PDB file of N, CA and C in Angstrom:
ATOM      1  N   MET A   1      12.256  -5.599  22.011  1.00  0.00           N
ATOM      2  CA  MET A   1      11.389  -4.451  21.914  1.00  0.00           C
ATOM      3  C   MET A   1      10.333  -4.719  20.850  1.00  0.00           C
ATOM      4  N   THR A   2       9.085  -4.495  21.161  1.00  0.00           N
ATOM      5  CA  THR A   2       7.991  -4.718  20.232  1.00  0.00           C
ATOM      6  C   THR A   2       7.491  -3.388  19.702  1.00  0.00           C
ATOM      7  N   VAL A   3       7.239  -3.357  18.400  1.00  0.00           N
ATOM      8  CA  VAL A   3       6.720  -2.145  17.778  1.00  0.00           C
ATOM      9  C   VAL A   3       5.217  -2.301  17.655  1.00  0.00           C
ATOM     10  N   GLY A   4       4.462  -1.361  18.189  1.00  0.00           N
ATOM     11  CA  GLY A   4       3.005  -1.418  18.143  1.00  0.00           C
ATOM     12  C   GLY A   4       2.467  -0.905  16.824  1.00  0.00           C
ATOM     13  N   PRO A   5       1.160  -1.045  16.598  1.00  0.00           N
ATOM     14  CA  PRO A   5       0.568  -0.623  15.343  1.00  0.00           C
ATOM     15  C   PRO A   5       0.625   0.882  15.107  1.00  0.00           C
ATOM     16  N   SER A   6       0.797   1.657  16.164  1.00  0.00           N
ATOM     17  CA  SER A   6       0.851   3.103  15.974  1.00  0.00           C
ATOM     18  C   SER A   6       2.219   3.580  15.493  1.00  0.00           C
ATOM     19  N   LYS A   7       3.239   2.731  15.557  1.00  0.00           N
ATOM     20  CA  LYS A   7       4.575   3.101  15.109  1.00  0.00           C
ATOM     21  C   LYS A   7       5.077   2.055  14.119  1.00  0.00           C
ATOM     22  N   PRO A   8       4.702   2.164  12.853  1.00  0.00           N
ATOM     23  CA  PRO A   8       5.138   1.180  11.870  1.00  0.00           C
ATOM     24  C   PRO A   8       6.654   1.173  11.736  1.00  0.00           C
ATOM     25  N   SER A   9       7.215  -0.025  11.533  1.00  0.00           N
ATOM     26  CA  SER A   9       8.668  -0.148  11.484  1.00  0.00           C
ATOM     27  C   SER A   9       9.213  -0.174  10.067  1.00  0.00           C
ATOM     28  N   ASN A  10       8.356  -0.271   9.059  1.00  0.00           N
ATOM     29  CA  ASN A  10       8.844  -0.226   7.686  1.00  0.00           C
ATOM     30  C   ASN A  10       7.756   0.265   6.746  1.00  0.00           C
ATOM     31  N   SER A  11       8.080   0.356   5.465  1.00  0.00           N
ATOM     32  CA  SER A  11       7.151   0.932   4.489  1.00  0.00           C
ATOM     33  C   SER A  11       5.858   0.141   4.356  1.00  0.00           C
ATOM     34  N   ILE A  12       5.952  -1.175   4.378  1.00  0.00           N
ATOM     35  CA  ILE A  12       4.752  -1.996   4.226  1.00  0.00           C
ATOM     36  C   ILE A  12       3.837  -1.822   5.427  1.00  0.00           C
ATOM     37  N   GLU A  13       4.393  -1.850   6.616  1.00  0.00           N
ATOM     38  CA  GLU A  13       3.578  -1.649   7.812  1.00  0.00           C
ATOM     39  C   GLU A  13       2.963  -0.254   7.827  1.00  0.00           C
ATOM     40  N   SER A  14       3.709   0.728   7.355  1.00  0.00           N
ATOM     41  CA  SER A  14       3.203   2.091   7.293  1.00  0.00           C
ATOM     42  C   SER A  14       2.026   2.177   6.325  1.00  0.00           C
ATOM     43  N   LEU A  15       2.180   1.567   5.157  1.00  0.00           N
ATOM     44  CA  LEU A  15       1.090   1.565   4.180  1.00  0.00           C
ATOM     45  C   LEU A  15      -0.133   0.849   4.737  1.00  0.00           C
ATOM     46  N   ASN A  16       0.062  -0.327   5.326  1.00  0.00           N
ATOM     47  CA  ASN A  16      -1.057  -1.073   5.905  1.00  0.00           C
ATOM     48  C   ASN A  16      -1.766  -0.256   6.980  1.00  0.00           C
ATOM     49  N   TYR A  17      -1.018   0.423   7.810  1.00  0.00           N
ATOM     50  CA  TYR A  17      -1.594   1.255   8.869  1.00  0.00           C
ATOM     51  C   TYR A  17      -2.461   2.359   8.264  1.00  0.00           C
ATOM     52  N   GLN A  18      -1.932   3.031   7.245  1.00  0.00           N
ATOM     53  CA  GLN A  18      -2.672   4.128   6.631  1.00  0.00           C
ATOM     54  C   GLN A  18      -3.936   3.628   5.935  1.00  0.00           C
ATOM     55  N   LEU A  19      -3.853   2.481   5.243  1.00  0.00           N
ATOM     56  CA  LEU A  19      -5.030   1.938   4.565  1.00  0.00           C
ATOM     57  C   LEU A  19      -6.080   1.454   5.562  1.00  0.00           C
ATOM     58  N   ARG A  20      -5.651   0.825   6.645  1.00  0.00           N
ATOM     59  CA  ARG A  20      -6.608   0.401   7.688  1.00  0.00           C
ATOM     60  C   ARG A  20      -7.332   1.606   8.269  1.00  0.00           C
ATOM     61  N   LYS A  21      -6.588   2.679   8.484  1.00  0.00           N
ATOM     62  CA  LYS A  21      -7.165   3.902   9.041  1.00  0.00           C
ATOM     63  C   LYS A  21      -8.238   4.461   8.100  1.00  0.00           C
ATOM     64  N   ILE A  22      -7.973   4.465   6.810  1.00  0.00           N
ATOM     65  CA  ILE A  22      -8.927   4.967   5.820  1.00  0.00           C
ATOM     66  C   ILE A  22     -10.186   4.109   5.797  1.00  0.00           C
ATOM     67  N   ILE A  23     -10.020   2.789   5.797  1.00  0.00           N
ATOM     68  CA  ILE A  23     -11.175   1.884   5.758  1.00  0.00           C
ATOM     69  C   ILE A  23     -11.976   1.987   7.050  1.00  0.00           C
ATOM     70  N   LYS A  24     -11.290   2.083   8.168  1.00  0.00           N
ATOM     71  CA  LYS A  24     -11.981   2.181   9.458  1.00  0.00           C
ATOM     72  C   LYS A  24     -12.826   3.451   9.525  1.00  0.00           C
ATOM     73  N   ASN A  25     -12.288   4.551   9.036  1.00  0.00           N
ATOM     74  CA  ASN A  25     -13.028   5.814   9.048  1.00  0.00           C
ATOM     75  C   ASN A  25     -14.225   5.785   8.110  1.00  0.00           C
ATOM     76  N   ARG A  26     -14.114   5.038   7.032  1.00  0.00           N
ATOM     77  CA  ARG A  26     -15.191   4.977   6.038  1.00  0.00           C
ATOM     78  C   ARG A  26     -16.347   4.091   6.516  1.00  0.00           C
ATOM     79  N   GLY A  27     -16.037   2.955   7.102  1.00  0.00           N
ATOM     80  CA  GLY A  27     -17.097   2.064   7.586  1.00  0.00           C
ATOM     81  C   GLY A  27     -17.547   1.058   6.557  1.00  0.00           C
ATOM     82  N   HIS A  28     -18.783   1.189   6.059  1.00  0.00           N
ATOM     83  CA  HIS A  28     -19.372   0.213   5.148  1.00  0.00           C
ATOM     84  C   HIS A  28     -19.229   0.649   3.697  1.00  0.00           C
ATOM     85  N   PHE A  29     -19.200  -0.366   2.808  1.00  0.00           N
ATOM     86  CA  PHE A  29     -19.066  -0.122   1.378  1.00  0.00           C
ATOM     87  C   PHE A  29     -20.201  -0.822   0.638  1.00  0.00           C
ATOM     88  N   PRO A  30     -20.718  -0.205  -0.422  1.00  0.00           N
ATOM     89  CA  PRO A  30     -21.828  -0.818  -1.149  1.00  0.00           C
ATOM     90  C   PRO A  30     -21.420  -2.072  -1.926  1.00  0.00           C
ATOM     91  N   ASN A  31     -20.128  -2.126  -2.373  1.00  0.00           N
ATOM     92  CA  ASN A  31     -19.662  -3.296  -3.133  1.00  0.00           C
ATOM     93  C   ASN A  31     -18.134  -3.336  -3.134  1.00  0.00           C
ATOM     94  N   ASP A  32     -17.600  -4.420  -3.712  1.00  0.00           N
ATOM     95  CA  ASP A  32     -16.144  -4.588  -3.756  1.00  0.00           C
ATOM     96  C   ASP A  32     -15.470  -3.504  -4.596  1.00  0.00           C
ATOM     97  N   HIS A  33     -16.129  -3.094  -5.665  1.00  0.00           N
ATOM     98  CA  HIS A  33     -15.547  -2.083  -6.539  1.00  0.00           C
ATOM     99  C   HIS A  33     -15.312  -0.770  -5.774  1.00  0.00           C
ATOM    100  N   ALA A  34     -16.210  -0.425  -4.892  1.00  0.00           N
ATOM    101  CA  ALA A  34     -16.063   0.803  -4.100  1.00  0.00           C
ATOM    102  C   ALA A  34     -14.838   0.719  -3.190  1.00  0.00           C
ATOM    103  N   VAL A  35     -14.593  -0.440  -2.608  1.00  0.00           N
ATOM    104  CA  VAL A  35     -13.425  -0.621  -1.741  1.00  0.00           C
ATOM    105  C   VAL A  35     -12.145  -0.505  -2.557  1.00  0.00           C
ATOM    106  N   ILE A  36     -12.117  -1.178  -3.704  1.00  0.00           N
ATOM    107  CA  ILE A  36     -10.924  -1.154  -4.558  1.00  0.00           C
ATOM    108  C   ILE A  36     -10.622   0.277  -4.994  1.00  0.00           C
ATOM    109  N   LYS A  37     -11.650   1.009  -5.380  1.00  0.00           N
ATOM    110  CA  LYS A  37     -11.456   2.393  -5.825  1.00  0.00           C
ATOM    111  C   LYS A  37     -10.925   3.260  -4.689  1.00  0.00           C
ATOM    112  N   LEU A  38     -11.493   3.120  -3.508  1.00  0.00           N
ATOM    113  CA  LEU A  38     -11.039   3.904  -2.358  1.00  0.00           C
ATOM    114  C   LEU A  38      -9.581   3.591  -2.024  1.00  0.00           C
ATOM    115  N   LEU A  39      -9.225   2.308  -2.015  1.00  0.00           N
ATOM    116  CA  LEU A  39      -7.850   1.935  -1.696  1.00  0.00           C
ATOM    117  C   LEU A  39      -6.877   2.426  -2.764  1.00  0.00           C
ATOM    118  N   TRP A  40      -7.257   2.319  -4.036  1.00  0.00           N
ATOM    119  CA  TRP A  40      -6.383   2.788  -5.104  1.00  0.00           C
ATOM    120  C   TRP A  40      -6.147   4.292  -4.979  1.00  0.00           C
ATOM    121  N   LEU A  41      -7.207   5.049  -4.744  1.00  0.00           N
ATOM    122  CA  LEU A  41      -7.055   6.494  -4.581  1.00  0.00           C
ATOM    123  C   LEU A  41      -6.202   6.833  -3.362  1.00  0.00           C
ATOM    124  N   ALA A  42      -6.361   6.065  -2.299  1.00  0.00           N
ATOM    125  CA  ALA A  42      -5.555   6.286  -1.090  1.00  0.00           C
ATOM    126  C   ALA A  42      -4.080   6.001  -1.364  1.00  0.00           C
ATOM    127  N   ILE A  43      -3.805   4.922  -2.087  1.00  0.00           N
ATOM    128  CA  ILE A  43      -2.411   4.584  -2.414  1.00  0.00           C
ATOM    129  C   ILE A  43      -1.797   5.676  -3.279  1.00  0.00           C
ATOM    130  N   ARG A  44      -2.539   6.182  -4.242  1.00  0.00           N
ATOM    131  CA  ARG A  44      -2.034   7.285  -5.079  1.00  0.00           C
ATOM    132  C   ARG A  44      -1.723   8.510  -4.228  1.00  0.00           C
ATOM    133  N   ASP A  45      -2.601   8.832  -3.288  1.00  0.00           N
ATOM    134  CA  ASP A  45      -2.392   9.992  -2.417  1.00  0.00           C
ATOM    135  C   ASP A  45      -1.162   9.794  -1.525  1.00  0.00           C
ATOM    136  N   ILE A  46      -1.028   8.604  -0.967  1.00  0.00           N
ATOM    137  CA  ILE A  46       0.117   8.297  -0.103  1.00  0.00           C
ATOM    138  C   ILE A  46       1.413   8.395  -0.904  1.00  0.00           C
ATOM    139  N   GLU A  47       1.400   7.839  -2.129  1.00  0.00           N
ATOM    140  CA  GLU A  47       2.606   7.894  -2.959  1.00  0.00           C
ATOM    141  C   GLU A  47       2.942   9.322  -3.358  1.00  0.00           C
ATOM    142  N   ASP A  48       1.942  10.149  -3.621  1.00  0.00           N
ATOM    143  CA  ASP A  48       2.202  11.557  -3.940  1.00  0.00           C
ATOM    144  C   ASP A  48       2.894  12.262  -2.782  1.00  0.00           C
ATOM    145  N   LYS A  49       2.430  12.016  -1.565  1.00  0.00           N
ATOM    146  CA  LYS A  49       3.048  12.623  -0.380  1.00  0.00           C
ATOM    147  C   LYS A  49       4.493  12.152  -0.222  1.00  0.00           C
ATOM    148  N   ARG A  50       4.707  10.855  -0.457  1.00  0.00           N
ATOM    149  CA  ARG A  50       6.070  10.317  -0.352  1.00  0.00           C
ATOM    150  C   ARG A  50       6.975  10.912  -1.427  1.00  0.00           C
ATOM    151  N   ALA A  51       6.439  11.076  -2.635  1.00  0.00           N
ATOM    152  CA  ALA A  51       7.230  11.640  -3.735  1.00  0.00           C
ATOM    153  C   ALA A  51       7.633  13.077  -3.429  1.00  0.00           C
ATOM    154  N   ARG A  52       6.713  13.846  -2.843  1.00  0.00           N
ATOM    155  CA  ARG A  52       7.062  15.223  -2.460  1.00  0.00           C
ATOM    156  C   ARG A  52       8.168  15.237  -1.407  1.00  0.00           C
ATOM    157  N   ALA A  53       8.110  14.308  -0.459  1.00  0.00           N
ATOM    158  CA  ALA A  53       9.153  14.238   0.574  1.00  0.00           C
ATOM    159  C   ALA A  53      10.495  13.852  -0.047  1.00  0.00           C
ATOM    160  N   ARG A  54      10.465  12.915  -1.019  1.00  0.00           N
ATOM    161  CA  ARG A  54      11.718  12.529  -1.688  1.00  0.00           C
ATOM    162  C   ARG A  54      12.272  13.698  -2.497  1.00  0.00           C
ATOM    163  N   ALA A  55      11.394  14.466  -3.147  1.00  0.00           N
ATOM    164  CA  ALA A  55      11.838  15.603  -3.963  1.00  0.00           C
ATOM    165  C   ALA A  55      12.529  16.664  -3.108  1.00  0.00           C
ATOM    166  N   LYS A  56      12.045  16.864  -1.896  1.00  0.00           N
ATOM    167  CA  LYS A  56      12.664  17.842  -0.996  1.00  0.00           C
ATOM    168  C   LYS A  56      14.087  17.443  -0.620  1.00  0.00           C
ATOM    169  N   GLU A  57      14.359  16.135  -0.626  1.00  0.00           N
ATOM    170  CA  GLU A  57      15.672  15.646  -0.214  1.00  0.00           C
ATOM    171  C   GLU A  57      16.627  15.436  -1.390  1.00  0.00           C
ATOM    172  N   THR A  58      16.200  15.824  -2.586  1.00  0.00           N
ATOM    173  CA  THR A  58      17.058  15.679  -3.760  1.00  0.00           C
ATOM    174  C   THR A  58      18.335  16.480  -3.555  1.00  0.00           C
ATOM    175  N   GLY A  59      19.440  15.855  -3.848  1.00  0.00           N
ATOM    176  CA  GLY A  59      20.723  16.523  -3.700  1.00  0.00           C
ATOM    177  C   GLY A  59      21.426  16.218  -2.389  1.00  0.00           C
ATOM    178  N   LEU A  60      20.702  15.709  -1.417  1.00  0.00           N
ATOM    179  CA  LEU A  60      21.336  15.335  -0.149  1.00  0.00           C
ATOM    180  C   LEU A  60      22.081  14.013  -0.316  1.00  0.00           C
ATOM    181  N   PRO A  61      23.134  13.789   0.459  1.00  0.00           N
ATOM    182  CA  PRO A  61      23.800  12.491   0.422  1.00  0.00           C
ATOM    183  C   PRO A  61      22.828  11.386   0.881  1.00  0.00           C
ATOM    184  N   ARG A  62      23.006  10.177   0.365  1.00  0.00           N
ATOM    185  CA  ARG A  62      22.100   9.072   0.686  1.00  0.00           C
ATOM    186  C   ARG A  62      21.947   8.833   2.183  1.00  0.00           C
ATOM    187  N   ASN A  63      23.016   8.984   2.939  1.00  0.00           N
ATOM    188  CA  ASN A  63      22.935   8.710   4.378  1.00  0.00           C
ATOM    189  C   ASN A  63      22.185   9.803   5.144  1.00  0.00           C
ATOM    190  N   LYS A  64      21.834  10.905   4.471  1.00  0.00           N
ATOM    191  CA  LYS A  64      21.092  11.994   5.110  1.00  0.00           C
ATOM    192  C   LYS A  64      19.616  12.012   4.705  1.00  0.00           C
ATOM    193  N   ARG A  65      19.219  11.120   3.790  1.00  0.00           N
ATOM    194  CA  ARG A  65      17.832  11.092   3.308  1.00  0.00           C
ATOM    195  C   ARG A  65      16.959  10.263   4.236  1.00  0.00           C
ATOM    196  N   ASN A  66      15.782  10.791   4.569  1.00  0.00           N
ATOM    197  CA  ASN A  66      14.854  10.095   5.456  1.00  0.00           C
ATOM    198  C   ASN A  66      13.487   9.857   4.828  1.00  0.00           C
ATOM    199  N   ALA A  67      13.292  10.327   3.603  1.00  0.00           N
ATOM    200  CA  ALA A  67      11.984  10.193   2.949  1.00  0.00           C
ATOM    201  C   ALA A  67      11.691   8.717   2.678  1.00  0.00           C
ATOM    202  N   PRO A  68      10.410   8.333   2.776  1.00  0.00           N
ATOM    203  CA  PRO A  68      10.041   6.939   2.526  1.00  0.00           C
ATOM    204  C   PRO A  68      10.224   6.564   1.055  1.00  0.00           C
ATOM    205  N   PRO A  69      10.495   5.291   0.774  1.00  0.00           N
ATOM    206  CA  PRO A  69      10.706   4.848  -0.609  1.00  0.00           C
ATOM    207  C   PRO A  69       9.390   4.764  -1.383  1.00  0.00           C
ATOM    208  N   ARG A  70       9.497   4.442  -2.673  1.00  0.00           N
ATOM    209  CA  ARG A  70       8.307   4.260  -3.513  1.00  0.00           C
ATOM    210  C   ARG A  70       7.500   3.076  -3.031  1.00  0.00           C
ATOM    211  N   LEU A  71       6.177   3.169  -3.214  1.00  0.00           N
ATOM    212  CA  LEU A  71       5.291   2.068  -2.846  1.00  0.00           C
ATOM    213  C   LEU A  71       5.164   1.047  -3.963  1.00  0.00           C
ATOM    214  N   VAL A  72       4.978   1.513  -5.182  1.00  0.00           N
ATOM    215  CA  VAL A  72       4.608   0.620  -6.266  1.00  0.00           C
ATOM    216  C   VAL A  72       5.709   0.458  -7.291  1.00  0.00           C
ATOM    217  N   GLU A  73       6.209   1.543  -7.832  1.00  0.00           N
ATOM    218  CA  GLU A  73       7.186   1.470  -8.902  1.00  0.00           C
ATOM    219  C   GLU A  73       8.462   0.794  -8.447  1.00  0.00           C
ATOM    220  N   GLY A  74       8.943  -0.104  -9.267  1.00  0.00           N
ATOM    221  CA  GLY A  74      10.207  -0.754  -8.991  1.00  0.00           C
ATOM    222  C   GLY A  74      10.167  -1.771  -7.874  1.00  0.00           C
ATOM    223  N   ALA A  75       9.009  -2.003  -7.317  1.00  0.00           N
ATOM    224  CA  ALA A  75       8.908  -3.000  -6.255  1.00  0.00           C
ATOM    225  C   ALA A  75       8.961  -4.389  -6.868  1.00  0.00           C
ATOM    226  N   SER A  76       9.694  -5.270  -6.256  1.00  0.00           N
ATOM    227  CA  SER A  76       9.745  -6.643  -6.757  1.00  0.00           C
ATOM    228  C   SER A  76       8.944  -7.539  -5.830  1.00  0.00           C
ATOM    229  N   LEU A  77       8.202  -8.409  -6.435  1.00  0.00           N
ATOM    230  CA  LEU A  77       7.368  -9.325  -5.673  1.00  0.00           C
ATOM    231  C   LEU A  77       7.832 -10.749  -5.923  1.00  0.00           C
ATOM    232  N   ASN A  78       8.003 -11.493  -4.865  1.00  0.00           N
ATOM    233  CA  ASN A  78       8.390 -12.883  -4.994  1.00  0.00           C
ATOM    234  C   ASN A  78       7.161 -13.772  -4.918  1.00  0.00           C
ATOM    235  N   ASN A  79       7.112 -14.781  -5.776  1.00  0.00           N
ATOM    236  CA  ASN A  79       6.044 -15.780  -5.770  1.00  0.00           C
ATOM    237  C   ASN A  79       4.658 -15.170  -5.968  1.00  0.00           C
ATOM    238  N   TRP A  80       4.562 -14.100  -6.768  1.00  0.00           N
ATOM    239  CA  TRP A  80       3.272 -13.465  -6.991  1.00  0.00           C
ATOM    240  C   TRP A  80       2.300 -14.397  -7.704  1.00  0.00           C
ATOM    241  N   LYS A  81       2.796 -15.184  -8.673  1.00  0.00           N
ATOM    242  CA  LYS A  81       1.903 -16.078  -9.412  1.00  0.00           C
ATOM    243  C   LYS A  81       1.256 -17.100  -8.483  1.00  0.00           C
ATOM    244  N   GLN A  82       2.030 -17.639  -7.555  1.00  0.00           N
ATOM    245  CA  GLN A  82       1.481 -18.612  -6.608  1.00  0.00           C
ATOM    246  C   GLN A  82       0.448 -17.952  -5.697  1.00  0.00           C
ATOM    247  N   ALA A  83       0.724 -16.737  -5.265  1.00  0.00           N
ATOM    248  CA  ALA A  83      -0.222 -16.023  -4.401  1.00  0.00           C
ATOM    249  C   ALA A  83      -1.512 -15.715  -5.157  1.00  0.00           C
ATOM    250  N   LEU A  84      -1.389 -15.288  -6.406  1.00  0.00           N
ATOM    251  CA  LEU A  84      -2.558 -14.984  -7.212  1.00  0.00           C
ATOM    252  C   LEU A  84      -3.396 -16.243  -7.460  1.00  0.00           C
ATOM    253  N   GLN A  85      -2.749 -17.383  -7.718  1.00  0.00           N
ATOM    254  CA  GLN A  85      -3.476 -18.636  -7.909  1.00  0.00           C
ATOM    255  C   GLN A  85      -4.237 -19.023  -6.645  1.00  0.00           C
ATOM    256  N   ALA A  86      -3.614 -18.861  -5.487  1.00  0.00           N
ATOM    257  CA  ALA A  86      -4.276 -19.192  -4.223  1.00  0.00           C
ATOM    258  C   ALA A  86      -5.470 -18.271  -3.986  1.00  0.00           C
ATOM    259  N   LEU A  87      -5.322 -16.992  -4.280  1.00  0.00           N
ATOM    260  CA  LEU A  87      -6.428 -16.059  -4.124  1.00  0.00           C
ATOM    261  C   LEU A  87      -7.558 -16.364  -5.107  1.00  0.00           C
ATOM    262  N   ALA A  88      -7.201 -16.746  -6.339  1.00  0.00           N
ATOM    263  CA  ALA A  88      -8.224 -17.082  -7.336  1.00  0.00           C
ATOM    264  C   ALA A  88      -9.013 -18.309  -6.912  1.00  0.00           C
ATOM    265  N   LEU A  89      -8.362 -19.259  -6.260  1.00  0.00           N
ATOM    266  CA  LEU A  89      -9.078 -20.438  -5.765  1.00  0.00           C
ATOM    267  C   LEU A  89      -9.971 -20.082  -4.583  1.00  0.00           C
ATOM    268  N   ALA A  90      -9.489 -19.211  -3.722  1.00  0.00           N
ATOM    269  CA  ALA A  90     -10.253 -18.847  -2.529  1.00  0.00           C
ATOM    270  C   ALA A  90     -11.406 -17.894  -2.848  1.00  0.00           C
ATOM    271  N   TYR A  91     -11.206 -16.994  -3.809  1.00  0.00           N
ATOM    272  CA  TYR A  91     -12.205 -15.974  -4.132  1.00  0.00           C
ATOM    273  C   TYR A  91     -12.451 -15.899  -5.643  1.00  0.00           C
ATOM    274  N   PRO A  92     -12.939 -16.972  -6.254  1.00  0.00           N
ATOM    275  CA  PRO A  92     -13.095 -16.964  -7.724  1.00  0.00           C
ATOM    276  C   PRO A  92     -14.074 -15.909  -8.225  1.00  0.00           C
ATOM    277  N   GLU A  93     -15.127 -15.655  -7.489  1.00  0.00           N
ATOM    278  CA  GLU A  93     -16.129 -14.679  -7.946  1.00  0.00           C
ATOM    279  C   GLU A  93     -15.585 -13.254  -7.951  1.00  0.00           C
ATOM    280  N   ARG A  94     -14.563 -13.009  -7.152  1.00  0.00           N
ATOM    281  CA  ARG A  94     -14.010 -11.662  -7.094  1.00  0.00           C
ATOM    282  C   ARG A  94     -12.877 -11.450  -8.086  1.00  0.00           C
ATOM    283  N   LEU A  95     -12.070 -12.482  -8.339  1.00  0.00           N
ATOM    284  CA  LEU A  95     -10.886 -12.307  -9.168  1.00  0.00           C
ATOM    285  C   LEU A  95     -11.078 -12.671 -10.631  1.00  0.00           C
ATOM    286  N   THR A  96     -11.975 -13.602 -10.931  1.00  0.00           N
ATOM    287  CA  THR A  96     -12.147 -14.076 -12.306  1.00  0.00           C
ATOM    288  C   THR A  96     -12.397 -12.934 -13.302  1.00  0.00           C
ATOM    289  N   PRO A  97     -13.233 -11.944 -12.979  1.00  0.00           N
ATOM    290  CA  PRO A  97     -13.462 -10.858 -13.962  1.00  0.00           C
ATOM    291  C   PRO A  97     -12.208 -10.057 -14.289  1.00  0.00           C
ATOM    292  N   TYR A  98     -11.205 -10.089 -13.432  1.00  0.00           N
ATOM    293  CA  TYR A  98      -9.995  -9.289 -13.648  1.00  0.00           C
ATOM    294  C   TYR A  98      -8.840 -10.082 -14.247  1.00  0.00           C
ATOM    295  N   LEU A  99      -8.995 -11.392 -14.347  1.00  0.00           N
ATOM    296  CA  LEU A  99      -7.901 -12.216 -14.871  1.00  0.00           C
ATOM    297  C   LEU A  99      -7.994 -12.393 -16.368  1.00  0.00           C
TER     298      LEU A  99
END
């Protein structure tokens, strides 16, 4: 069974779907900073909605909770340094000011 883009199968796919939808609706951006700001604000909004859903389920047994997990806090990333180095090599003009 294949899961299409309209039905994300996990938190990462759900986040990617929501961010793609936001960018698609917006269209063009004047610069990279505008894109980063829009995505950051979208992630904050998505996390707020998820936090409200988790708060509603407080007190329920774990097997009865359906709210999505946190996006950012407590997330562990594997091989982030290697990924960041590869991105810095591919896009030095974009990443150097932030490193």
